[in-house]
Amino acid sequence: MAPEPDIMVVAHKSRITNEGGTVLPPKQNGDPELKTFKKVYIEITSICNLACSFCPQTKRAKNFIDPEVFNNILDQIKPHTKHIYLHVKGEPLLHPKIDVLLDSAHEKGFKVNITTNGTLLPKTQHKLLGKPALRQMNFSLHSFDGHEGSTDREGYLGNVLSFVREAVKHNVIISFRLWNLTQDNFTNAQMNRNRETLEVLEREFNLDFRIEEKVVPGSGVKIAPNVYLNQDHEFQWPSLDAPEDDGKGFCHALRSQAAVLVDGTVVPCCLDGEGVINLGNVHEKSFSEIVDGERANNLFYGFSKREAVEELCRKCGYRQRFGA
């Protein structure tokens, strides 16, 4: 999985600073330190049915979240966000009770985004369609070419599009992703990267243009009501084995997002797939306490000064997209 390009536009909260000009976490309900987030990722499984070249398999234990545990996490994060994303690593449609999780999210007032490779839709779409909590489905179409054993592109895309036709009737936002471009745009054109997939989409939505002519890497193009396509360069997951940069720059970790791994570990963003920056565990301490703990605040205030205080952050190429 990967970082989320949000279709929804959200107004920025007023930024509060102390006397030294450091940005403080936004206030809510009279609590001067309660952080609020645009989204919180809840990893409902660490297991994936594919082995894609762009997404390293996690070394963590294979697990599925229990619905009661999921409910408890929802209660803990409710003061902090209204939007949840059901992944960090893993394929969310593998969860045998994903319909139960969606119902729980709706009961507690959350809107849900799901990012999936889409291969399991024939077996699971009845658990998704018509669920009022489901706001957006992101399809990682690049997983077809990223997984060595993939066959029958037409059949795969046909299953995805069959689901999409029904989902849009329920006002679900659809985002197709092709995040497999190289930095060399000449090479991309020469290899005609993604052309077979794009041709299928162009036929499905009766487009009178080639999608490559409209979309800019890193952004999206609307191809139908509530349906978007995003192309972007392939990114590297941060790793402690990666080269370290000078640590200068900014990140939205613990500003617009936080994440809870399947075992309850809280991490600052959706790219810490191994739980390296372990801020605490929701089974031992409340989510509110964890995101306002010492390690969390050191990271937060560090980025306020354009400094990456965590080693993993200094080895994260994605952070460099936000500039120095």
C-alpha atoms as a PDB file:
ATOM      1  CA  MET A   1       0.000   0.000   0.000  1.00  0.00           C
ATOM      2  CA  ALA A   2       0.983   3.595  -0.129  1.00  0.00           C
ATOM      3  CA  PRO A   3       0.297   7.196   0.869  1.00  0.00           C
ATOM      4  CA  GLU A   4      -3.131   8.525   0.062  1.00  0.00           C
ATOM      5  CA  PRO A   5      -3.771  11.325  -2.467  1.00  0.00           C
ATOM      6  CA  ASP A   6      -7.032  12.704  -1.139  1.00  0.00           C
ATOM      7  CA  ILE A   7      -9.806  13.507  -3.602  1.00  0.00           C
ATOM      8  CA  MET A   8     -11.634  15.416  -0.884  1.00  0.00           C
ATOM      9  CA  VAL A   9     -10.554  19.002  -0.264  1.00  0.00           C
ATOM     10  CA  VAL A  10     -10.428  19.898   3.426  1.00  0.00           C
ATOM     11  CA  ALA A  11      -9.946  23.400   4.772  1.00  0.00           C
ATOM     12  CA  HIS A  12      -6.862  23.813   6.950  1.00  0.00           C
ATOM     13  CA  LYS A  13      -7.446  24.510  10.617  1.00  0.00           C
ATOM     14  CA  SER A  14      -6.161  27.740  12.096  1.00  0.00           C
ATOM     15  CA  ARG A  15      -2.574  27.316  13.190  1.00  0.00           C
ATOM     16  CA  ILE A  16      -1.717  28.278  16.760  1.00  0.00           C
ATOM     17  CA  THR A  17       1.821  29.191  17.739  1.00  0.00           C
ATOM     18  CA  ASN A  18       3.586  29.795  21.029  1.00  0.00           C
ATOM     19  CA  GLU A  19       5.731  32.857  21.739  1.00  0.00           C
ATOM     20  CA  GLY A  20       8.630  31.307  19.854  1.00  0.00           C
ATOM     21  CA  GLY A  21       6.521  30.786  16.740  1.00  0.00           C
ATOM     22  CA  THR A  22       6.364  26.982  17.015  1.00  0.00           C
ATOM     23  CA  VAL A  23       3.139  25.557  15.609  1.00  0.00           C
ATOM     24  CA  LEU A  24       1.090  23.901  18.331  1.00  0.00           C
ATOM     25  CA  PRO A  25      -1.329  20.993  17.815  1.00  0.00           C
ATOM     26  CA  PRO A  26      -4.903  22.153  17.106  1.00  0.00           C
ATOM     27  CA  LYS A  27      -7.287  22.462  20.028  1.00  0.00           C
ATOM     28  CA  GLN A  28     -10.574  20.667  20.423  1.00  0.00           C
ATOM     29  CA  ASN A  29     -13.191  20.333  23.152  1.00  0.00           C
ATOM     30  CA  GLY A  30     -11.237  22.661  25.411  1.00  0.00           C
ATOM     31  CA  ASP A  31      -8.193  20.349  25.508  1.00  0.00           C
ATOM     32  CA  PRO A  32      -5.162  22.495  24.623  1.00  0.00           C
ATOM     33  CA  GLU A  33      -3.100  19.518  23.425  1.00  0.00           C
ATOM     34  CA  LEU A  34      -5.614  17.263  21.655  1.00  0.00           C
ATOM     35  CA  LYS A  35      -4.339  16.598  18.129  1.00  0.00           C
ATOM     36  CA  THR A  36      -6.857  16.185  15.337  1.00  0.00           C
ATOM     37  CA  PHE A  37      -6.113  14.425  12.080  1.00  0.00           C
ATOM     38  CA  LYS A  38      -7.495  14.484   8.575  1.00  0.00           C
ATOM     39  CA  LYS A  39      -7.303  10.672   8.671  1.00  0.00           C
ATOM     40  CA  VAL A  40      -6.185   7.772  10.824  1.00  0.00           C
ATOM     41  CA  TYR A  41      -5.051   4.527   9.255  1.00  0.00           C
ATOM     42  CA  ILE A  42      -6.212   1.332  10.950  1.00  0.00           C
ATOM     43  CA  GLU A  43      -4.440  -1.748   9.625  1.00  0.00           C
ATOM     44  CA  ILE A  44      -7.071  -4.500   9.704  1.00  0.00           C
ATOM     45  CA  THR A  45      -4.684  -7.182   8.461  1.00  0.00           C
ATOM     46  CA  SER A  46      -0.941  -7.469   7.903  1.00  0.00           C
ATOM     47  CA  ILE A  47      -1.457 -10.201   5.290  1.00  0.00           C
ATOM     48  CA  CYS A  48      -1.503  -9.687   1.521  1.00  0.00           C
ATOM     49  CA  ASN A  49      -2.493 -12.128  -1.218  1.00  0.00           C
ATOM     50  CA  LEU A  50       0.073 -10.696  -3.653  1.00  0.00           C
ATOM     51  CA  ALA A  51       3.834 -10.178  -3.565  1.00  0.00           C
ATOM     52  CA  CYS A  52       4.417  -6.946  -5.483  1.00  0.00           C
ATOM     53  CA  SER A  53       7.891  -5.721  -6.351  1.00  0.00           C
ATOM     54  CA  PHE A  54       7.098  -2.187  -5.128  1.00  0.00           C
ATOM     55  CA  CYS A  55       5.711  -3.236  -1.710  1.00  0.00           C
ATOM     56  CA  PRO A  56       8.022  -5.218   0.609  1.00  0.00           C
ATOM     57  CA  GLN A  57       6.290  -7.923   2.628  1.00  0.00           C
ATOM     58  CA  THR A  58       6.133  -7.019   6.313  1.00  0.00           C
ATOM     59  CA  LYS A  59       8.308  -8.941   8.751  1.00  0.00           C
ATOM     60  CA  ARG A  60       5.663  -8.504  11.441  1.00  0.00           C
ATOM     61  CA  ALA A  61       3.384 -11.314  12.568  1.00  0.00           C
ATOM     62  CA  LYS A  62       0.529 -12.205  10.207  1.00  0.00           C
ATOM     63  CA  ASN A  63      -2.748 -11.226  11.818  1.00  0.00           C
ATOM     64  CA  PHE A  64      -6.324  -9.994  11.390  1.00  0.00           C
ATOM     65  CA  ILE A  65      -7.885  -7.417  13.681  1.00  0.00           C
ATOM     66  CA  ASP A  66     -10.686  -8.660  15.922  1.00  0.00           C
ATOM     67  CA  PRO A  67     -13.964  -6.724  15.481  1.00  0.00           C
ATOM     68  CA  GLU A  68     -14.130  -5.968  19.223  1.00  0.00           C
ATOM     69  CA  VAL A  69     -10.592  -4.595  19.136  1.00  0.00           C
ATOM     70  CA  PHE A  70     -11.530  -2.550  16.063  1.00  0.00           C
ATOM     71  CA  ASN A  71     -14.488  -1.073  17.951  1.00  0.00           C
ATOM     72  CA  ASN A  72     -12.249  -0.149  20.855  1.00  0.00           C
ATOM     73  CA  ILE A  73      -9.800   1.598  18.538  1.00  0.00           C
ATOM     74  CA  LEU A  74     -12.653   3.523  16.910  1.00  0.00           C
ATOM     75  CA  ASP A  75     -13.750   4.751  20.340  1.00  0.00           C
ATOM     76  CA  GLN A  76     -10.194   5.850  21.112  1.00  0.00           C
ATOM     77  CA  ILE A  77      -9.649   7.785  17.896  1.00  0.00           C
ATOM     78  CA  LYS A  78     -13.120   9.332  17.667  1.00  0.00           C
ATOM     79  CA  PRO A  79     -12.097  12.666  19.276  1.00  0.00           C
ATOM     80  CA  HIS A  80      -9.251  12.913  16.751  1.00  0.00           C
ATOM     81  CA  THR A  81     -10.767  12.240  13.311  1.00  0.00           C
ATOM     82  CA  LYS A  82     -13.854  11.389  11.282  1.00  0.00           C
ATOM     83  CA  HIS A  83     -12.066   9.531   8.485  1.00  0.00           C
ATOM     84  CA  ILE A  84     -10.328   6.148   8.631  1.00  0.00           C
ATOM     85  CA  TYR A  85      -8.320   4.198   6.080  1.00  0.00           C
ATOM     86  CA  LEU A  86      -8.263   0.428   6.486  1.00  0.00           C
ATOM     87  CA  HIS A  87      -4.651  -0.364   5.690  1.00  0.00           C
ATOM     88  CA  VAL A  88      -1.003   0.247   6.280  1.00  0.00           C
ATOM     89  CA  LYS A  89       0.350  -3.020   4.945  1.00  0.00           C
ATOM     90  CA  GLY A  90      -1.851  -5.957   3.970  1.00  0.00           C
ATOM     91  CA  GLU A  91      -4.849  -6.381   1.670  1.00  0.00           C
ATOM     92  CA  PRO A  92      -7.997  -5.226   3.509  1.00  0.00           C
ATOM     93  CA  LEU A  93     -10.388  -7.330   1.411  1.00  0.00           C
ATOM     94  CA  LEU A  94      -8.778 -10.433   2.911  1.00  0.00           C
ATOM     95  CA  HIS A  95     -10.436  -9.657   6.246  1.00  0.00           C
ATOM     96  CA  PRO A  96     -13.286 -12.159   6.612  1.00  0.00           C
ATOM     97  CA  LYS A  97     -15.449  -9.672   8.527  1.00  0.00           C
ATOM     98  CA  ILE A  98     -14.813  -6.492   6.592  1.00  0.00           C
ATOM     99  CA  ASP A  99     -18.575  -5.998   6.309  1.00  0.00           C
ATOM    100  CA  VAL A 100     -18.846  -6.072  10.113  1.00  0.00           C
ATOM    101  CA  LEU A 101     -16.021  -3.525  10.389  1.00  0.00           C
ATOM    102  CA  LEU A 102     -17.754  -1.206   7.924  1.00  0.00           C
ATOM    103  CA  ASP A 103     -20.993  -1.451   9.898  1.00  0.00           C
ATOM    104  CA  SER A 104     -19.143  -0.600  13.117  1.00  0.00           C
ATOM    105  CA  ALA A 105     -17.504   2.405  11.473  1.00  0.00           C
ATOM    106  CA  HIS A 106     -20.897   3.672  10.320  1.00  0.00           C
ATOM    107  CA  GLU A 107     -22.451   3.207  13.760  1.00  0.00           C
ATOM    108  CA  LYS A 108     -19.684   5.325  15.281  1.00  0.00           C
ATOM    109  CA  GLY A 109     -19.875   8.067  12.652  1.00  0.00           C
ATOM    110  CA  PHE A 110     -16.758   7.368  10.574  1.00  0.00           C
ATOM    111  CA  LYS A 111     -16.273   7.552   6.828  1.00  0.00           C
ATOM    112  CA  VAL A 112     -14.008   4.868   5.372  1.00  0.00           C
ATOM    113  CA  ASN A 113     -11.472   4.769   2.552  1.00  0.00           C
ATOM    114  CA  ILE A 114     -10.221   1.394   1.345  1.00  0.00           C
ATOM    115  CA  THR A 115      -7.093   0.867  -0.755  1.00  0.00           C
ATOM    116  CA  THR A 116      -6.998  -2.523  -2.473  1.00  0.00           C
ATOM    117  CA  ASN A 117      -5.367  -4.405  -5.310  1.00  0.00           C
ATOM    118  CA  GLY A 118      -8.900  -5.389  -6.339  1.00  0.00           C
ATOM    119  CA  THR A 119      -8.188  -9.063  -7.041  1.00  0.00           C
ATOM    120  CA  LEU A 120     -10.633 -10.310  -4.394  1.00  0.00           C
ATOM    121  CA  LEU A 121     -13.665  -8.297  -5.511  1.00  0.00           C
ATOM    122  CA  PRO A 122     -15.574 -11.266  -7.000  1.00  0.00           C
ATOM    123  CA  LYS A 123     -15.608 -12.876  -3.537  1.00  0.00           C
ATOM    124  CA  THR A 124     -16.072  -9.744  -1.422  1.00  0.00           C
ATOM    125  CA  GLN A 125     -18.056  -7.108  -3.302  1.00  0.00           C
ATOM    126  CA  HIS A 126     -21.306  -8.178  -1.626  1.00  0.00           C
ATOM    127  CA  LYS A 127     -19.695  -7.168   1.689  1.00  0.00           C
ATOM    128  CA  LEU A 128     -18.903  -3.677   0.387  1.00  0.00           C
ATOM    129  CA  LEU A 129     -21.701  -2.463  -1.857  1.00  0.00           C
ATOM    130  CA  GLY A 130     -24.351  -0.421  -0.103  1.00  0.00           C
ATOM    131  CA  LYS A 131     -22.340   0.118   3.078  1.00  0.00           C
ATOM    132  CA  PRO A 132     -23.023   3.736   4.107  1.00  0.00           C
ATOM    133  CA  ALA A 133     -19.604   4.137   5.757  1.00  0.00           C
ATOM    134  CA  LEU A 134     -17.737   3.456   2.509  1.00  0.00           C
ATOM    135  CA  ARG A 135     -16.656   6.803   1.086  1.00  0.00           C
ATOM    136  CA  GLN A 136     -13.833   5.956  -1.328  1.00  0.00           C
ATOM    137  CA  MET A 137     -12.201   2.946  -2.990  1.00  0.00           C
ATOM    138  CA  ASN A 138      -8.627   3.263  -4.243  1.00  0.00           C
ATOM    139  CA  PHE A 139      -7.544   0.576  -6.718  1.00  0.00           C
ATOM    140  CA  SER A 140      -3.797  -0.047  -7.017  1.00  0.00           C
ATOM    141  CA  LEU A 141      -3.948  -1.141 -10.657  1.00  0.00           C
ATOM    142  CA  HIS A 142      -0.147  -1.167 -10.832  1.00  0.00           C
ATOM    143  CA  SER A 143      -0.273  -4.289  -8.640  1.00  0.00           C
ATOM    144  CA  PHE A 144      -1.131  -6.357 -11.737  1.00  0.00           C
ATOM    145  CA  ASP A 145       2.271  -5.679 -13.297  1.00  0.00           C
ATOM    146  CA  GLY A 146       3.968  -5.491  -9.907  1.00  0.00           C
ATOM    147  CA  HIS A 147       3.005  -9.068  -9.013  1.00  0.00           C
ATOM    148  CA  GLU A 148       5.081 -11.605 -10.941  1.00  0.00           C
ATOM    149  CA  GLY A 149       2.319 -14.209 -11.145  1.00  0.00           C
ATOM    150  CA  SER A 150      -0.398 -11.973 -12.614  1.00  0.00           C
ATOM    151  CA  THR A 151      -2.344 -13.300 -15.598  1.00  0.00           C
ATOM    152  CA  ASP A 152      -5.451 -12.189 -17.547  1.00  0.00           C
ATOM    153  CA  ARG A 153      -5.324  -8.402 -17.373  1.00  0.00           C
ATOM    154  CA  GLU A 154      -8.685  -8.105 -19.140  1.00  0.00           C
ATOM    155  CA  GLY A 155     -10.373 -10.366 -16.589  1.00  0.00           C
ATOM    156  CA  TYR A 156      -8.803  -8.536 -13.654  1.00  0.00           C
ATOM    157  CA  LEU A 157      -9.832  -5.109 -14.930  1.00  0.00           C
ATOM    158  CA  GLY A 158     -13.262  -6.429 -15.896  1.00  0.00           C
ATOM    159  CA  ASN A 159     -13.911  -7.482 -12.293  1.00  0.00           C
ATOM    160  CA  VAL A 160     -12.775  -4.094 -10.988  1.00  0.00           C
ATOM    161  CA  LEU A 161     -14.917  -2.190 -13.465  1.00  0.00           C
ATOM    162  CA  SER A 162     -17.945  -4.360 -12.738  1.00  0.00           C
ATOM    163  CA  PHE A 163     -17.656  -3.349  -9.085  1.00  0.00           C
ATOM    164  CA  VAL A 164     -17.110   0.309  -9.989  1.00  0.00           C
ATOM    165  CA  ARG A 165     -20.312   0.439 -12.050  1.00  0.00           C
ATOM    166  CA  GLU A 166     -22.295  -0.567  -8.964  1.00  0.00           C
ATOM    167  CA  ALA A 167     -20.277   1.408  -6.421  1.00  0.00           C
ATOM    168  CA  VAL A 168     -20.802   4.763  -8.129  1.00  0.00           C
ATOM    169  CA  LYS A 169     -24.554   4.202  -7.814  1.00  0.00           C
ATOM    170  CA  HIS A 170     -23.962   4.435  -4.059  1.00  0.00           C
ATOM    171  CA  ASN A 171     -21.922   7.672  -4.475  1.00  0.00           C
ATOM    172  CA  VAL A 172     -18.632   5.946  -3.670  1.00  0.00           C
ATOM    173  CA  ILE A 173     -15.602   7.866  -4.960  1.00  0.00           C
ATOM    174  CA  ILE A 174     -13.311   5.743  -7.147  1.00  0.00           C
ATOM    175  CA  SER A 175      -9.587   6.373  -7.568  1.00  0.00           C
ATOM    176  CA  PHE A 176      -7.610   4.244 -10.016  1.00  0.00           C
ATOM    177  CA  ARG A 177      -3.881   4.291  -9.298  1.00  0.00           C
ATOM    178  CA  LEU A 178      -0.949   3.617 -11.563  1.00  0.00           C
ATOM    179  CA  TRP A 179       1.985   4.455  -9.321  1.00  0.00           C
ATOM    180  CA  ASN A 180       4.703   2.734 -11.319  1.00  0.00           C
ATOM    181  CA  LEU A 181       6.332   5.446 -13.434  1.00  0.00           C
ATOM    182  CA  THR A 182      10.079   5.890 -13.409  1.00  0.00           C
ATOM    183  CA  GLN A 183      11.679   9.307 -13.041  1.00  0.00           C
ATOM    184  CA  ASP A 184      12.729   9.069 -16.695  1.00  0.00           C
ATOM    185  CA  ASN A 185       9.653  10.204 -18.623  1.00  0.00           C
ATOM    186  CA  PHE A 186      11.306   9.376 -21.960  1.00  0.00           C
ATOM    187  CA  THR A 187      11.674   5.778 -20.794  1.00  0.00           C
ATOM    188  CA  ASN A 188       8.036   5.745 -19.692  1.00  0.00           C
ATOM    189  CA  ALA A 189       6.912   6.865 -23.135  1.00  0.00           C
ATOM    190  CA  GLN A 190       9.282   4.481 -24.879  1.00  0.00           C
ATOM    191  CA  MET A 191       7.981   1.516 -22.890  1.00  0.00           C
ATOM    192  CA  ASN A 192       4.379   2.675 -23.389  1.00  0.00           C
ATOM    193  CA  ARG A 193       3.955   2.007 -19.713  1.00  0.00           C
ATOM    194  CA  ASN A 194       0.402   1.209 -18.608  1.00  0.00           C
ATOM    195  CA  ARG A 195      -1.012   1.564 -22.144  1.00  0.00           C
ATOM    196  CA  GLU A 196      -2.909  -1.734 -22.052  1.00  0.00           C
ATOM    197  CA  THR A 197      -4.593  -0.796 -18.783  1.00  0.00           C
ATOM    198  CA  LEU A 198      -5.342   2.746 -19.909  1.00  0.00           C
ATOM    199  CA  GLU A 199      -6.918   1.496 -23.141  1.00  0.00           C
ATOM    200  CA  VAL A 200      -9.380  -0.589 -21.129  1.00  0.00           C
ATOM    201  CA  LEU A 201     -10.302   2.452 -19.008  1.00  0.00           C
ATOM    202  CA  GLU A 202     -10.654   4.669 -22.074  1.00  0.00           C
ATOM    203  CA  ARG A 203     -13.082   2.201 -23.642  1.00  0.00           C
ATOM    204  CA  GLU A 204     -15.055   1.735 -20.417  1.00  0.00           C
ATOM    205  CA  PHE A 205     -15.598   5.467 -19.898  1.00  0.00           C
ATOM    206  CA  ASN A 206     -15.864   6.405 -23.592  1.00  0.00           C
ATOM    207  CA  LEU A 207     -12.987   8.862 -23.405  1.00  0.00           C
ATOM    208  CA  ASP A 208     -12.112  10.815 -26.521  1.00  0.00           C
ATOM    209  CA  PHE A 209      -8.516  11.395 -25.381  1.00  0.00           C
ATOM    210  CA  ARG A 210      -5.510   9.352 -24.326  1.00  0.00           C
ATOM    211  CA  ILE A 211      -5.234   9.554 -20.559  1.00  0.00           C
ATOM    212  CA  GLU A 212      -1.470  10.192 -20.686  1.00  0.00           C
ATOM    213  CA  GLU A 213      -2.194  13.453 -22.479  1.00  0.00           C
ATOM    214  CA  LYS A 214      -4.236  14.773 -19.569  1.00  0.00           C
ATOM    215  CA  VAL A 215      -2.673  13.418 -16.398  1.00  0.00           C
ATOM    216  CA  VAL A 216       0.487  14.817 -14.812  1.00  0.00           C
ATOM    217  CA  PRO A 217       2.566  12.494 -12.590  1.00  0.00           C
ATOM    218  CA  GLY A 218       1.665  13.182  -8.980  1.00  0.00           C
ATOM    219  CA  SER A 219      -1.841  14.399  -9.781  1.00  0.00           C
ATOM    220  CA  GLY A 220      -5.058  12.998 -11.151  1.00  0.00           C
ATOM    221  CA  VAL A 221      -7.619  13.399 -13.884  1.00  0.00           C
ATOM    222  CA  LYS A 222     -11.387  13.026 -13.613  1.00  0.00           C
ATOM    223  CA  ILE A 223     -12.581  10.459 -16.155  1.00  0.00           C
ATOM    224  CA  ALA A 224     -16.230  10.172 -15.053  1.00  0.00           C
ATOM    225  CA  PRO A 225     -18.479  11.471 -12.263  1.00  0.00           C
ATOM    226  CA  ASN A 226     -16.839  10.399  -8.983  1.00  0.00           C
ATOM    227  CA  VAL A 227     -14.136   8.475 -10.892  1.00  0.00           C
ATOM    228  CA  TYR A 228     -10.491   9.589 -11.015  1.00  0.00           C
ATOM    229  CA  LEU A 229      -7.196   8.245 -12.269  1.00  0.00           C
ATOM    230  CA  ASN A 230      -3.853   9.024 -10.660  1.00  0.00           C
ATOM    231  CA  GLN A 231      -0.457   8.287 -12.152  1.00  0.00           C
ATOM    232  CA  ASP A 232       2.704   8.791 -10.174  1.00  0.00           C
ATOM    233  CA  HIS A 233       6.291   7.690  -9.866  1.00  0.00           C
ATOM    234  CA  GLU A 234       7.055   4.538  -7.942  1.00  0.00           C
ATOM    235  CA  PHE A 235       8.301   5.370  -4.450  1.00  0.00           C
ATOM    236  CA  GLN A 236      10.558   3.491  -2.064  1.00  0.00           C
ATOM    237  CA  TRP A 237       9.249   2.502   1.339  1.00  0.00           C
ATOM    238  CA  PRO A 238      11.429   4.062   4.057  1.00  0.00           C
ATOM    239  CA  SER A 239      13.875   1.634   5.607  1.00  0.00           C
ATOM    240  CA  LEU A 240      16.581   1.814   8.254  1.00  0.00           C
ATOM    241  CA  ASP A 241      18.839   0.207   5.628  1.00  0.00           C
ATOM    242  CA  ALA A 242      18.353   3.138   3.228  1.00  0.00           C
ATOM    243  CA  PRO A 243      20.812   6.061   2.916  1.00  0.00           C
ATOM    244  CA  GLU A 244      20.318   8.880   5.421  1.00  0.00           C
ATOM    245  CA  ASP A 245      19.830  12.465   4.250  1.00  0.00           C
ATOM    246  CA  ASP A 246      20.615  15.694   6.105  1.00  0.00           C
ATOM    247  CA  GLY A 247      17.299  15.539   7.989  1.00  0.00           C
ATOM    248  CA  LYS A 248      16.085  18.910   6.741  1.00  0.00           C
ATOM    249  CA  GLY A 249      12.495  19.185   5.590  1.00  0.00           C
ATOM    250  CA  PHE A 250       8.875  18.747   6.504  1.00  0.00           C
ATOM    251  CA  CYS A 251       6.324  15.934   6.807  1.00  0.00           C
ATOM    252  CA  HIS A 252       2.609  15.687   7.576  1.00  0.00           C
ATOM    253  CA  ALA A 253       3.121  12.814  10.026  1.00  0.00           C
ATOM    254  CA  LEU A 254       1.115  13.450  13.230  1.00  0.00           C
ATOM    255  CA  ARG A 255      -0.287  16.591  11.606  1.00  0.00           C
ATOM    256  CA  SER A 256      -2.723  15.258   9.048  1.00  0.00           C
ATOM    257  CA  GLN A 257      -2.410  11.572   9.892  1.00  0.00           C
ATOM    258  CA  ALA A 258      -1.458   8.803  12.290  1.00  0.00           C
ATOM    259  CA  ALA A 259      -1.708   5.020  12.010  1.00  0.00           C
ATOM    260  CA  VAL A 260      -2.536   2.014  14.178  1.00  0.00           C
ATOM    261  CA  LEU A 261      -0.997  -1.309  13.157  1.00  0.00           C
ATOM    262  CA  VAL A 262      -2.908  -4.567  13.492  1.00  0.00           C
ATOM    263  CA  ASP A 263      -1.266  -5.347  16.859  1.00  0.00           C
ATOM    264  CA  GLY A 264      -2.246  -1.944  18.295  1.00  0.00           C
ATOM    265  CA  THR A 265       1.090  -0.203  17.765  1.00  0.00           C
ATOM    266  CA  VAL A 266       0.672   3.496  16.933  1.00  0.00           C
ATOM    267  CA  VAL A 267       3.043   4.954  14.328  1.00  0.00           C
ATOM    268  CA  PRO A 268       3.168   8.516  12.979  1.00  0.00           C
ATOM    269  CA  CYS A 269       2.303   7.775   9.348  1.00  0.00           C
ATOM    270  CA  CYS A 270       1.171   5.167   6.831  1.00  0.00           C
ATOM    271  CA  LEU A 271       4.723   4.542   5.579  1.00  0.00           C
ATOM    272  CA  ASP A 272       6.066   3.066   8.817  1.00  0.00           C
ATOM    273  CA  GLY A 273       5.027  -0.417   7.786  1.00  0.00           C
ATOM    274  CA  GLU A 274       7.348  -2.170  10.245  1.00  0.00           C
ATOM    275  CA  GLY A 275       6.439  -0.115  13.306  1.00  0.00           C
ATOM    276  CA  VAL A 276       9.931   1.336  13.631  1.00  0.00           C
ATOM    277  CA  ILE A 277       8.696   4.573  15.226  1.00  0.00           C
ATOM    278  CA  ASN A 278       6.695   2.834  17.944  1.00  0.00           C
ATOM    279  CA  LEU A 279       4.856   5.593  19.792  1.00  0.00           C
ATOM    280  CA  GLY A 280       2.985   3.199  22.069  1.00  0.00           C
ATOM    281  CA  ASN A 281       0.247   0.572  21.962  1.00  0.00           C
ATOM    282  CA  VAL A 282      -3.487   1.252  22.268  1.00  0.00           C
ATOM    283  CA  HIS A 283      -3.865  -1.920  24.338  1.00  0.00           C
ATOM    284  CA  GLU A 284      -1.596  -0.420  26.990  1.00  0.00           C
ATOM    285  CA  LYS A 285      -2.265   3.318  26.783  1.00  0.00           C
ATOM    286  CA  SER A 286      -4.949   5.474  25.197  1.00  0.00           C
ATOM    287  CA  PHE A 287      -4.505   6.754  21.653  1.00  0.00           C
ATOM    288  CA  SER A 288      -4.852  10.325  22.954  1.00  0.00           C
ATOM    289  CA  GLU A 289      -1.984   9.839  25.403  1.00  0.00           C
ATOM    290  CA  ILE A 290       0.177   8.155  22.779  1.00  0.00           C
ATOM    291  CA  VAL A 291      -0.061  10.880  20.119  1.00  0.00           C
ATOM    292  CA  ASP A 292       0.705  13.466  22.788  1.00  0.00           C
ATOM    293  CA  GLY A 293       3.595  11.478  24.283  1.00  0.00           C
ATOM    294  CA  GLU A 294       7.210  12.590  24.400  1.00  0.00           C
ATOM    295  CA  ARG A 295       8.380  10.742  21.285  1.00  0.00           C
ATOM    296  CA  ALA A 296       5.354  11.902  19.295  1.00  0.00           C
ATOM    297  CA  ASN A 297       5.814  15.527  20.301  1.00  0.00           C
ATOM    298  CA  ASN A 298       9.544  15.430  19.573  1.00  0.00           C
ATOM    299  CA  LEU A 299       8.707  14.337  16.024  1.00  0.00           C
ATOM    300  CA  PHE A 300       5.879  16.892  15.679  1.00  0.00           C
ATOM    301  CA  TYR A 301       7.866  19.887  16.925  1.00  0.00           C
ATOM    302  CA  GLY A 302      10.937  18.731  15.036  1.00  0.00           C
ATOM    303  CA  PHE A 303       9.069  19.058  11.756  1.00  0.00           C
ATOM    304  CA  SER A 304       7.778  22.449  12.907  1.00  0.00           C
ATOM    305  CA  LYS A 305      11.448  23.467  12.751  1.00  0.00           C
ATOM    306  CA  ARG A 306      11.944  21.548   9.464  1.00  0.00           C
ATOM    307  CA  GLU A 307      14.027  18.899  11.226  1.00  0.00           C
ATOM    308  CA  ALA A 308      13.557  15.125  11.035  1.00  0.00           C
ATOM    309  CA  VAL A 309      14.402  13.875  14.512  1.00  0.00           C
ATOM    310  CA  GLU A 310      13.707  10.181  13.809  1.00  0.00           C
ATOM    311  CA  GLU A 311      16.233   8.070  11.922  1.00  0.00           C
ATOM    312  CA  LEU A 312      13.536   6.461   9.752  1.00  0.00           C
ATOM    313  CA  CYS A 313      12.301   9.920   8.717  1.00  0.00           C
ATOM    314  CA  ARG A 314      15.840  10.850   7.643  1.00  0.00           C
ATOM    315  CA  LYS A 315      15.799   7.742   5.449  1.00  0.00           C
ATOM    316  CA  CYS A 316      12.397   8.427   3.869  1.00  0.00           C
ATOM    317  CA  GLY A 317      12.522   9.590   0.267  1.00  0.00           C
ATOM    318  CA  TYR A 318       8.803  10.365   0.270  1.00  0.00           C
ATOM    319  CA  ARG A 319       9.390  13.134   2.818  1.00  0.00           C
ATOM    320  CA  GLN A 320      11.522  14.955   0.262  1.00  0.00           C
ATOM    321  CA  ARG A 321       8.405  15.581  -1.835  1.00  0.00           C
ATOM    322  CA  PHE A 322       7.364  18.217   0.707  1.00  0.00           C
ATOM    323  CA  GLY A 323      10.529  20.288   0.187  1.00  0.00           C
ATOM    324  CA  ALA A 324      13.106  21.609   2.614  1.00  0.00           C
END
